[in-house]
PDB file of N, CA and C in Angstrom:
ATOM      1  N   UNK A   1     110.863 108.475 128.361  1.00  0.00           N
ATOM      2  CA  UNK A   1     110.850 107.181 128.438  1.00  0.00           C
ATOM      3  C   UNK A   1     110.521 106.641 127.156  1.00  0.00           C
ATOM      4  N   UNK A   2     110.929 105.454 126.768  1.00  0.00           N
ATOM      5  CA  UNK A   2     110.665 104.944 125.442  1.00  0.00           C
ATOM      6  C   UNK A   2     109.784 103.478 125.876  1.00  0.00           C
ATOM      7  N   UNK A   3     108.615 103.176 125.186  1.00  0.00           N
ATOM      8  CA  UNK A   3     107.857 102.185 125.448  1.00  0.00           C
ATOM      9  C   UNK A   3     107.763 101.563 124.068  1.00  0.00           C
ATOM     10  N   UNK A   4     108.078 100.061 124.010  1.00  0.00           N
ATOM     11  CA  UNK A   4     107.962  99.449 122.792  1.00  0.00           C
ATOM     12  C   UNK A   4     106.828  98.410 122.933  1.00  0.00           C
ATOM     13  N   UNK A   5     105.980  98.306 121.590  1.00  0.00           N
ATOM     14  CA  UNK A   5     104.823  97.502 121.499  1.00  0.00           C
ATOM     15  C   UNK A   5     104.808  96.644 120.428  1.00  0.00           C
ATOM     16  N   UNK A   6     104.207  95.701 120.332  1.00  0.00           N
ATOM     17  CA  UNK A   6     104.130  94.783 119.153  1.00  0.00           C
ATOM     18  C   UNK A   6     103.515  95.717 118.033  1.00  0.00           C
ATOM     19  N   UNK A   7     104.130  95.346 116.739  1.00  0.00           N
ATOM     20  CA  UNK A   7     103.646  95.743 115.444  1.00  0.00           C
ATOM     21  C   UNK A   7     102.065  95.614 115.300  1.00  0.00           C
ATOM     22  N   UNK A   8     101.490  94.526 116.028  1.00  0.00           N
ATOM     23  CA  UNK A   8     100.110  94.215 115.909  1.00  0.00           C
ATOM     24  C   UNK A   8      99.189  95.155 116.646  1.00  0.00           C
ATOM     25  N   UNK A   9      99.744  95.982 117.662  1.00  0.00           N
ATOM     26  CA  UNK A   9      99.028  96.826 118.420  1.00  0.00           C
ATOM     27  C   UNK A   9      98.504  98.078 117.603  1.00  0.00           C
ATOM     28  N   UNK A  10      97.295  98.469 117.985  1.00  0.00           N
ATOM     29  CA  UNK A  10      96.594  99.570 117.427  1.00  0.00           C
ATOM     30  C   UNK A  10      97.209 100.794 117.916  1.00  0.00           C
ATOM     31  N   UNK A  11      97.804 101.711 117.108  1.00  0.00           N
ATOM     32  CA  UNK A  11      98.518 102.909 117.470  1.00  0.00           C
ATOM     33  C   UNK A  11      97.676 103.836 118.257  1.00  0.00           C
ATOM     34  N   UNK A  12      96.500 104.029 117.786  1.00  0.00           N
ATOM     35  CA  UNK A  12      95.647 105.136 118.481  1.00  0.00           C
ATOM     36  C   UNK A  12      95.192 104.684 120.031  1.00  0.00           C
ATOM     37  N   UNK A  13      94.856 103.351 120.133  1.00  0.00           N
ATOM     38  CA  UNK A  13      94.673 102.800 121.321  1.00  0.00           C
ATOM     39  C   UNK A  13      95.751 102.914 122.362  1.00  0.00           C
ATOM     40  N   UNK A  14      96.980 102.388 121.666  1.00  0.00           N
ATOM     41  CA  UNK A  14      98.191 102.457 122.520  1.00  0.00           C
ATOM     42  C   UNK A  14      98.402 103.861 123.015  1.00  0.00           C
ATOM     43  N   UNK A  15      98.350 104.972 122.192  1.00  0.00           N
ATOM     44  CA  UNK A  15      98.582 106.290 122.595  1.00  0.00           C
ATOM     45  C   UNK A  15      97.644 106.657 123.783  1.00  0.00           C
ATOM     46  N   UNK A  16      96.347 106.133 123.624  1.00  0.00           N
ATOM     47  CA  UNK A  16      95.305 106.598 124.535  1.00  0.00           C
ATOM     48  C   UNK A  16      95.554 105.822 125.932  1.00  0.00           C
ATOM     49  N   UNK A  17      96.021 104.668 125.955  1.00  0.00           N
ATOM     50  CA  UNK A  17      96.342 103.969 127.181  1.00  0.00           C
ATOM     51  C   UNK A  17      97.490 104.500 127.847  1.00  0.00           C
ATOM     52  N   UNK A  18      98.650 104.921 126.965  1.00  0.00           N
ATOM     53  CA  UNK A  18      99.902 105.581 127.704  1.00  0.00           C
ATOM     54  C   UNK A  18      99.568 106.833 128.213  1.00  0.00           C
ATOM     55  N   UNK A  19      98.718 107.755 127.454  1.00  0.00           N
ATOM     56  CA  UNK A  19      98.289 108.894 128.093  1.00  0.00           C
ATOM     57  C   UNK A  19      97.408 108.911 129.320  1.00  0.00           C
ATOM     58  N   UNK A  20      96.652 108.052 129.302  1.00  0.00           N
ATOM     59  CA  UNK A  20      95.605 107.880 130.411  1.00  0.00           C
ATOM     60  C   UNK A  20      96.615 107.597 131.774  1.00  0.00           C
ATOM     61  N   UNK A  21      97.661 106.754 131.743  1.00  0.00           N
ATOM     62  CA  UNK A  21      98.572 106.620 132.860  1.00  0.00           C
ATOM     63  C   UNK A  21      99.136 107.919 133.304  1.00  0.00           C
ATOM     64  N   UNK A  22      99.551 108.714 132.346  1.00  0.00           N
ATOM     65  CA  UNK A  22     100.179 110.030 132.696  1.00  0.00           C
ATOM     66  C   UNK A  22      99.164 111.040 133.440  1.00  0.00           C
ATOM     67  N   UNK A  23      97.936 111.062 132.668  1.00  0.00           N
ATOM     68  CA  UNK A  23      96.839 112.013 133.348  1.00  0.00           C
ATOM     69  C   UNK A  23      96.464 111.517 134.734  1.00  0.00           C
ATOM     70  N   UNK A  24      96.519 110.082 134.937  1.00  0.00           N
ATOM     71  CA  UNK A  24      96.101 109.702 136.391  1.00  0.00           C
ATOM     72  C   UNK A  24      97.132 109.898 137.353  1.00  0.00           C
ATOM     73  N   UNK A  25      98.329 110.210 137.141  1.00  0.00           N
ATOM     74  CA  UNK A  25      99.297 110.332 138.090  1.00  0.00           C
ATOM     75  C   UNK A  25      99.411 111.730 138.594  1.00  0.00           C
ATOM     76  N   UNK A  26      99.165 112.017 139.965  1.00  0.00           N
ATOM     77  CA  UNK A  26      98.921 113.237 140.401  1.00  0.00           C
ATOM     78  C   UNK A  26     100.183 114.030 140.417  1.00  0.00           C
ATOM     79  N   UNK A  27     101.367 113.279 140.200  1.00  0.00           N
ATOM     80  CA  UNK A  27     102.599 113.935 140.344  1.00  0.00           C
ATOM     81  C   UNK A  27     103.151 114.485 138.820  1.00  0.00           C
ATOM     82  N   UNK A  28     102.349 114.097 137.900  1.00  0.00           N
ATOM     83  CA  UNK A  28     102.688 114.472 136.501  1.00  0.00           C
ATOM     84  C   UNK A  28     101.976 115.777 136.192  1.00  0.00           C
ATOM     85  N   UNK A  29     102.607 116.801 135.825  1.00  0.00           N
ATOM     86  CA  UNK A  29     102.325 118.113 135.621  1.00  0.00           C
ATOM     87  C   UNK A  29     101.537 117.994 134.315  1.00  0.00           C
ATOM     88  N   UNK A  30     100.452 118.924 134.384  1.00  0.00           N
ATOM     89  CA  UNK A  30      99.564 119.075 133.246  1.00  0.00           C
ATOM     90  C   UNK A  30      99.973 120.138 132.447  1.00  0.00           C
ATOM     91  N   UNK A  31     100.784 121.243 132.950  1.00  0.00           N
ATOM     92  CA  UNK A  31     101.423 122.265 132.197  1.00  0.00           C
ATOM     93  C   UNK A  31     103.046 122.200 132.542  1.00  0.00           C
ATOM     94  N   UNK A  32     103.697 121.945 131.635  1.00  0.00           N
ATOM     95  CA  UNK A  32     103.457 121.479 130.238  1.00  0.00           C
ATOM     96  C   UNK A  32     102.756 120.271 130.387  1.00  0.00           C
ATOM     97  N   UNK A  33     102.017 120.097 129.227  1.00  0.00           N
ATOM     98  CA  UNK A  33     101.193 118.838 129.004  1.00  0.00           C
ATOM     99  C   UNK A  33     102.131 117.648 128.798  1.00  0.00           C
ATOM    100  N   UNK A  34     101.580 116.401 129.295  1.00  0.00           N
ATOM    101  CA  UNK A  34     102.562 115.162 129.085  1.00  0.00           C
ATOM    102  C   UNK A  34     102.295 114.871 127.655  1.00  0.00           C
ATOM    103  N   UNK A  35     103.271 114.146 126.959  1.00  0.00           N
ATOM    104  CA  UNK A  35     103.186 113.798 125.505  1.00  0.00           C
ATOM    105  C   UNK A  35     103.561 112.480 125.404  1.00  0.00           C
ATOM    106  N   UNK A  36     102.623 112.004 124.426  1.00  0.00           N
ATOM    107  CA  UNK A  36     102.919 110.563 123.824  1.00  0.00           C
ATOM    108  C   UNK A  36     103.026 110.533 122.515  1.00  0.00           C
ATOM    109  N   UNK A  37     103.963 109.953 121.862  1.00  0.00           N
ATOM    110  CA  UNK A  37     103.915 109.974 120.277  1.00  0.00           C
ATOM    111  C   UNK A  37     104.688 108.810 119.755  1.00  0.00           C
ATOM    112  N   UNK A  38     104.594 108.385 118.531  1.00  0.00           N
ATOM    113  CA  UNK A  38     105.381 107.223 117.999  1.00  0.00           C
ATOM    114  C   UNK A  38     106.787 107.796 117.631  1.00  0.00           C
ATOM    115  N   UNK A  39     107.769 107.231 118.343  1.00  0.00           N
ATOM    116  CA  UNK A  39     109.157 107.723 118.284  1.00  0.00           C
ATOM    117  C   UNK A  39     109.991 107.056 116.959  1.00  0.00           C
ATOM    118  N   UNK A  40     109.710 105.746 116.914  1.00  0.00           N
ATOM    119  CA  UNK A  40     110.290 105.005 115.739  1.00  0.00           C
ATOM    120  C   UNK A  40     109.741 103.836 115.330  1.00  0.00           C
ATOM    121  N   UNK A  41     110.018 103.155 114.364  1.00  0.00           N
ATOM    122  CA  UNK A  41     109.602 101.731 113.976  1.00  0.00           C
ATOM    123  C   UNK A  41     110.863 100.845 114.229  1.00  0.00           C
ATOM    124  N   UNK A  42     111.013 100.142 115.338  1.00  0.00           N
ATOM    125  CA  UNK A  42     112.122  99.582 115.829  1.00  0.00           C
ATOM    126  C   UNK A  42     112.309  98.187 114.972  1.00  0.00           C
ATOM    127  N   UNK A  43     113.281  97.450 115.366  1.00  0.00           N
ATOM    128  CA  UNK A  43     113.493  96.014 114.809  1.00  0.00           C
ATOM    129  C   UNK A  43     112.410  95.234 115.312  1.00  0.00           C
ATOM    130  N   UNK A  44     111.994  95.257 116.286  1.00  0.00           N
ATOM    131  CA  UNK A  44     110.839  94.226 116.705  1.00  0.00           C
ATOM    132  C   UNK A  44     109.687  94.955 117.438  1.00  0.00           C
ATOM    133  N   UNK A  45     109.554  96.244 117.381  1.00  0.00           N
ATOM    134  CA  UNK A  45     108.476  96.904 118.053  1.00  0.00           C
ATOM    135  C   UNK A  45     108.419  98.266 117.462  1.00  0.00           C
ATOM    136  N   UNK A  46     107.095  98.903 117.655  1.00  0.00           N
ATOM    137  CA  UNK A  46     106.793 100.367 117.491  1.00  0.00           C
ATOM    138  C   UNK A  46     106.977 100.880 118.805  1.00  0.00           C
ATOM    139  N   UNK A  47     108.010 101.892 118.896  1.00  0.00           N
ATOM    140  CA  UNK A  47     108.531 102.618 119.982  1.00  0.00           C
ATOM    141  C   UNK A  47     107.802 104.042 120.165  1.00  0.00           C
ATOM    142  N   UNK A  48     107.373 104.016 121.438  1.00  0.00           N
ATOM    143  CA  UNK A  48     106.473 105.356 121.755  1.00  0.00           C
ATOM    144  C   UNK A  48     107.556 106.298 122.673  1.00  0.00           C
ATOM    145  N   UNK A  49     107.517 107.544 122.427  1.00  0.00           N
ATOM    146  CA  UNK A  49     108.172 108.382 123.393  1.00  0.00           C
ATOM    147  C   UNK A  49     107.090 108.834 124.485  1.00  0.00           C
ATOM    148  N   UNK A  50     107.327 108.625 125.684  1.00  0.00           N
ATOM    149  CA  UNK A  50     106.347 109.129 126.673  1.00  0.00           C
ATOM    150  C   UNK A  50     107.012 110.120 127.530  1.00  0.00           C
ATOM    151  N   UNK A  51     106.473 111.226 127.578  1.00  0.00           N
ATOM    152  CA  UNK A  51     107.225 112.294 128.347  1.00  0.00           C
ATOM    153  C   UNK A  51     106.081 112.876 129.237  1.00  0.00           C
ATOM    154  N   UNK A  52     106.347 112.464 130.685  1.00  0.00           N
ATOM    155  CA  UNK A  52     105.714 113.032 131.739  1.00  0.00           C
ATOM    156  C   UNK A  52     106.645 114.155 132.293  1.00  0.00           C
ATOM    157  N   UNK A  53     105.975 115.380 132.587  1.00  0.00           N
ATOM    158  CA  UNK A  53     106.816 116.498 133.170  1.00  0.00           C
ATOM    159  C   UNK A  53     106.515 116.407 134.698  1.00  0.00           C
ATOM    160  N   UNK A  54     107.465 116.645 135.517  1.00  0.00           N
ATOM    161  CA  UNK A  54     107.166 116.674 136.867  1.00  0.00           C
ATOM    162  C   UNK A  54     108.219 117.616 137.699  1.00  0.00           C
ATOM    163  N   UNK A  55     107.801 117.927 138.939  1.00  0.00           N
ATOM    164  CA  UNK A  55     108.614 118.756 139.793  1.00  0.00           C
ATOM    165  C   UNK A  55     109.969 117.867 139.882  1.00  0.00           C
ATOM    166  N   UNK A  56     111.098 118.629 139.880  1.00  0.00           N
ATOM    167  CA  UNK A  56     112.393 117.603 139.990  1.00  0.00           C
ATOM    168  C   UNK A  56     112.407 116.733 141.317  1.00  0.00           C
ATOM    169  N   UNK A  57     111.810 117.284 142.370  1.00  0.00           N
ATOM    170  CA  UNK A  57     111.927 116.569 143.510  1.00  0.00           C
ATOM    171  C   UNK A  57     111.109 115.257 143.345  1.00  0.00           C
ATOM    172  N   UNK A  58     110.266 115.179 142.506  1.00  0.00           N
ATOM    173  CA  UNK A  58     109.277 113.929 142.327  1.00  0.00           C
ATOM    174  C   UNK A  58     109.808 113.124 141.257  1.00  0.00           C
ATOM    175  N   UNK A  59     110.934 113.402 140.590  1.00  0.00           N
ATOM    176  CA  UNK A  59     111.334 112.596 139.378  1.00  0.00           C
ATOM    177  C   UNK A  59     111.509 111.155 139.641  1.00  0.00           C
ATOM    178  N   UNK A  60     112.089 110.564 140.671  1.00  0.00           N
ATOM    179  CA  UNK A  60     112.149 109.301 140.784  1.00  0.00           C
ATOM    180  C   UNK A  60     111.071 108.584 141.086  1.00  0.00           C
ATOM    181  N   UNK A  61     110.012 109.227 141.884  1.00  0.00           N
ATOM    182  CA  UNK A  61     108.621 108.725 142.182  1.00  0.00           C
ATOM    183  C   UNK A  61     107.929 108.431 140.914  1.00  0.00           C
ATOM    184  N   UNK A  62     107.912 109.564 140.140  1.00  0.00           N
ATOM    185  CA  UNK A  62     107.246 109.462 138.759  1.00  0.00           C
ATOM    186  C   UNK A  62     107.812 108.573 137.824  1.00  0.00           C
ATOM    187  N   UNK A  63     109.234 108.451 137.767  1.00  0.00           N
ATOM    188  CA  UNK A  63     109.835 107.592 136.983  1.00  0.00           C
ATOM    189  C   UNK A  63     109.465 106.000 137.178  1.00  0.00           C
ATOM    190  N   UNK A  64     109.420 105.586 138.301  1.00  0.00           N
ATOM    191  CA  UNK A  64     109.190 104.292 138.915  1.00  0.00           C
ATOM    192  C   UNK A  64     107.631 104.005 138.767  1.00  0.00           C
ATOM    193  N   UNK A  65     106.841 104.930 139.266  1.00  0.00           N
ATOM    194  CA  UNK A  65     105.283 104.698 139.403  1.00  0.00           C
ATOM    195  C   UNK A  65     104.873 104.738 137.886  1.00  0.00           C
ATOM    196  N   UNK A  66     105.207 105.553 137.142  1.00  0.00           N
ATOM    197  CA  UNK A  66     104.806 105.669 135.634  1.00  0.00           C
ATOM    198  C   UNK A  66     105.185 104.375 134.982  1.00  0.00           C
ATOM    199  N   UNK A  67     106.406 103.941 135.079  1.00  0.00           N
ATOM    200  CA  UNK A  67     106.785 102.726 134.437  1.00  0.00           C
ATOM    201  C   UNK A  67     105.921 101.584 134.748  1.00  0.00           C
ATOM    202  N   UNK A  68     105.760 101.224 136.170  1.00  0.00           N
ATOM    203  CA  UNK A  68     105.013 100.156 136.664  1.00  0.00           C
ATOM    204  C   UNK A  68     103.608 100.241 136.161  1.00  0.00           C
ATOM    205  N   UNK A  69     102.941 101.691 136.081  1.00  0.00           N
ATOM    206  CA  UNK A  69     101.518 101.598 135.829  1.00  0.00           C
ATOM    207  C   UNK A  69     101.406 101.508 134.063  1.00  0.00           C
ATOM    208  N   UNK A  70     102.511 101.922 133.415  1.00  0.00           N
ATOM    209  CA  UNK A  70     102.371 101.698 131.932  1.00  0.00           C
ATOM    210  C   UNK A  70     102.235 100.183 131.744  1.00  0.00           C
ATOM    211  N   UNK A  71     103.165  99.395 132.354  1.00  0.00           N
ATOM    212  CA  UNK A  71     103.252  97.994 132.120  1.00  0.00           C
ATOM    213  C   UNK A  71     101.802  97.325 132.426  1.00  0.00           C
ATOM    214  N   UNK A  72     101.308  97.731 133.675  1.00  0.00           N
ATOM    215  CA  UNK A  72      99.884  97.208 134.057  1.00  0.00           C
ATOM    216  C   UNK A  72      98.839  97.598 133.093  1.00  0.00           C
ATOM    217  N   UNK A  73      98.932  98.764 132.647  1.00  0.00           N
ATOM    218  CA  UNK A  73      97.896  99.310 131.703  1.00  0.00           C
ATOM    219  C   UNK A  73      97.985  98.694 130.380  1.00  0.00           C
ATOM    220  N   UNK A  74      99.101  98.388 129.857  1.00  0.00           N
ATOM    221  CA  UNK A  74      99.283  97.531 128.630  1.00  0.00           C
ATOM    222  C   UNK A  74      98.731  96.172 128.743  1.00  0.00           C
ATOM    223  N   UNK A  75      99.097  95.644 129.881  1.00  0.00           N
ATOM    224  CA  UNK A  75      98.597  94.191 130.239  1.00  0.00           C
ATOM    225  C   UNK A  75      96.993  94.241 130.283  1.00  0.00           C
ATOM    226  N   UNK A  76      96.482  95.140 130.979  1.00  0.00           N
ATOM    227  CA  UNK A  76      94.969  95.283 131.050  1.00  0.00           C
ATOM    228  C   UNK A  76      94.358  95.327 129.425  1.00  0.00           C
ATOM    229  N   UNK A  77      94.980  95.955 128.769  1.00  0.00           N
ATOM    230  CA  UNK A  77      94.477  96.334 127.349  1.00  0.00           C
ATOM    231  C   UNK A  77      94.965  95.305 126.346  1.00  0.00           C
ATOM    232  N   UNK A  78      95.763  94.163 126.900  1.00  0.00           N
ATOM    233  CA  UNK A  78      96.141  93.264 125.833  1.00  0.00           C
ATOM    234  C   UNK A  78      96.912  93.725 124.728  1.00  0.00           C
ATOM    235  N   UNK A  79      97.737  94.747 125.082  1.00  0.00           N
ATOM    236  CA  UNK A  79      98.825  95.140 124.268  1.00  0.00           C
ATOM    237  C   UNK A  79     100.201  94.870 124.526  1.00  0.00           C
ATOM    238  N   UNK A  80     100.912  93.898 123.638  1.00  0.00           N
ATOM    239  CA  UNK A  80     101.947  93.144 124.150  1.00  0.00           C
ATOM    240  C   UNK A  80     103.024  93.999 123.830  1.00  0.00           C
ATOM    241  N   UNK A  81     104.275  93.652 124.690  1.00  0.00           N
ATOM    242  CA  UNK A  81     105.569  94.219 124.588  1.00  0.00           C
ATOM    243  C   UNK A  81     106.503  93.137 124.121  1.00  0.00           C
ATOM    244  N   UNK A  82     106.897  93.408 122.930  1.00  0.00           N
ATOM    245  CA  UNK A  82     107.635  92.254 122.310  1.00  0.00           C
ATOM    246  C   UNK A  82     109.151  92.204 122.982  1.00  0.00           C
ATOM    247  N   UNK A  83     109.857  91.181 122.827  1.00  0.00           N
ATOM    248  CA  UNK A  83     111.146  91.044 123.437  1.00  0.00           C
ATOM    249  C   UNK A  83     111.991  90.448 122.254  1.00  0.00           C
ATOM    250  N   UNK A  84     113.375  90.673 122.274  1.00  0.00           N
ATOM    251  CA  UNK A  84     114.125  90.067 121.152  1.00  0.00           C
ATOM    252  C   UNK A  84     114.112  88.557 121.210  1.00  0.00           C
ATOM    253  N   UNK A  85     114.090  87.918 120.031  1.00  0.00           N
ATOM    254  CA  UNK A  85     114.119  86.439 119.960  1.00  0.00           C
ATOM    255  C   UNK A  85     115.094  86.148 118.880  1.00  0.00           C
ATOM    256  N   UNK A  86     115.594  84.908 119.088  1.00  0.00           N
ATOM    257  CA  UNK A  86     116.387  84.329 117.950  1.00  0.00           C
ATOM    258  C   UNK A  86     115.956  82.891 117.685  1.00  0.00           C
ATOM    259  N   UNK A  87     115.811  82.584 116.418  1.00  0.00           N
ATOM    260  CA  UNK A  87     115.403  81.352 115.971  1.00  0.00           C
ATOM    261  C   UNK A  87     116.763  80.618 115.460  1.00  0.00           C
ATOM    262  N   UNK A  88     117.053  79.507 116.061  1.00  0.00           N
ATOM    263  CA  UNK A  88     118.277  78.732 115.882  1.00  0.00           C
ATOM    264  C   UNK A  88     117.721  77.396 115.128  1.00  0.00           C
ATOM    265  N   UNK A  89     118.283  77.195 113.759  1.00  0.00           N
ATOM    266  CA  UNK A  89     118.026  76.033 112.974  1.00  0.00           C
ATOM    267  C   UNK A  89     119.206  75.118 113.030  1.00  0.00           C
ATOM    268  N   UNK A  90     118.979  73.941 113.521  1.00  0.00           N
ATOM    269  CA  UNK A  90     120.055  72.819 113.608  1.00  0.00           C
ATOM    270  C   UNK A  90     120.111  72.154 112.356  1.00  0.00           C
ATOM    271  N   UNK A  91     121.065  71.939 111.630  1.00  0.00           N
ATOM    272  CA  UNK A  91     121.169  71.033 110.509  1.00  0.00           C
ATOM    273  C   UNK A  91     122.108  70.156 110.544  1.00  0.00           C
ATOM    274  N   UNK A  92     121.695  68.973 110.547  1.00  0.00           N
ATOM    275  CA  UNK A  92     122.619  67.693 110.755  1.00  0.00           C
ATOM    276  C   UNK A  92     123.149  67.441 109.362  1.00  0.00           C
ATOM    277  N   UNK A  93     124.600  67.273 109.409  1.00  0.00           N
ATOM    278  CA  UNK A  93     125.260  67.065 108.229  1.00  0.00           C
ATOM    279  C   UNK A  93     125.182  65.573 107.905  1.00  0.00           C
TER     280      UNK A  93
END
């Protein structure tokens, strides 16, 4: 999973929030341990790699529930998720 957050977000806080979500999900395996790390500095966001391991039969449950819980956790912690924007300047001739 890739989660993008604002460049204004604190990296350590964001990693902790994302990891807390993984650790709270009973279908996410603890061995191998879940992983959260900075993946890249994107055009409009710092992108985190979020890697929850699970039993293959639980894949979709984990995928959807973790995505939802990640969004809720970021909202609760006031960590914004940027979205692409375009500024248009109109010039009158």
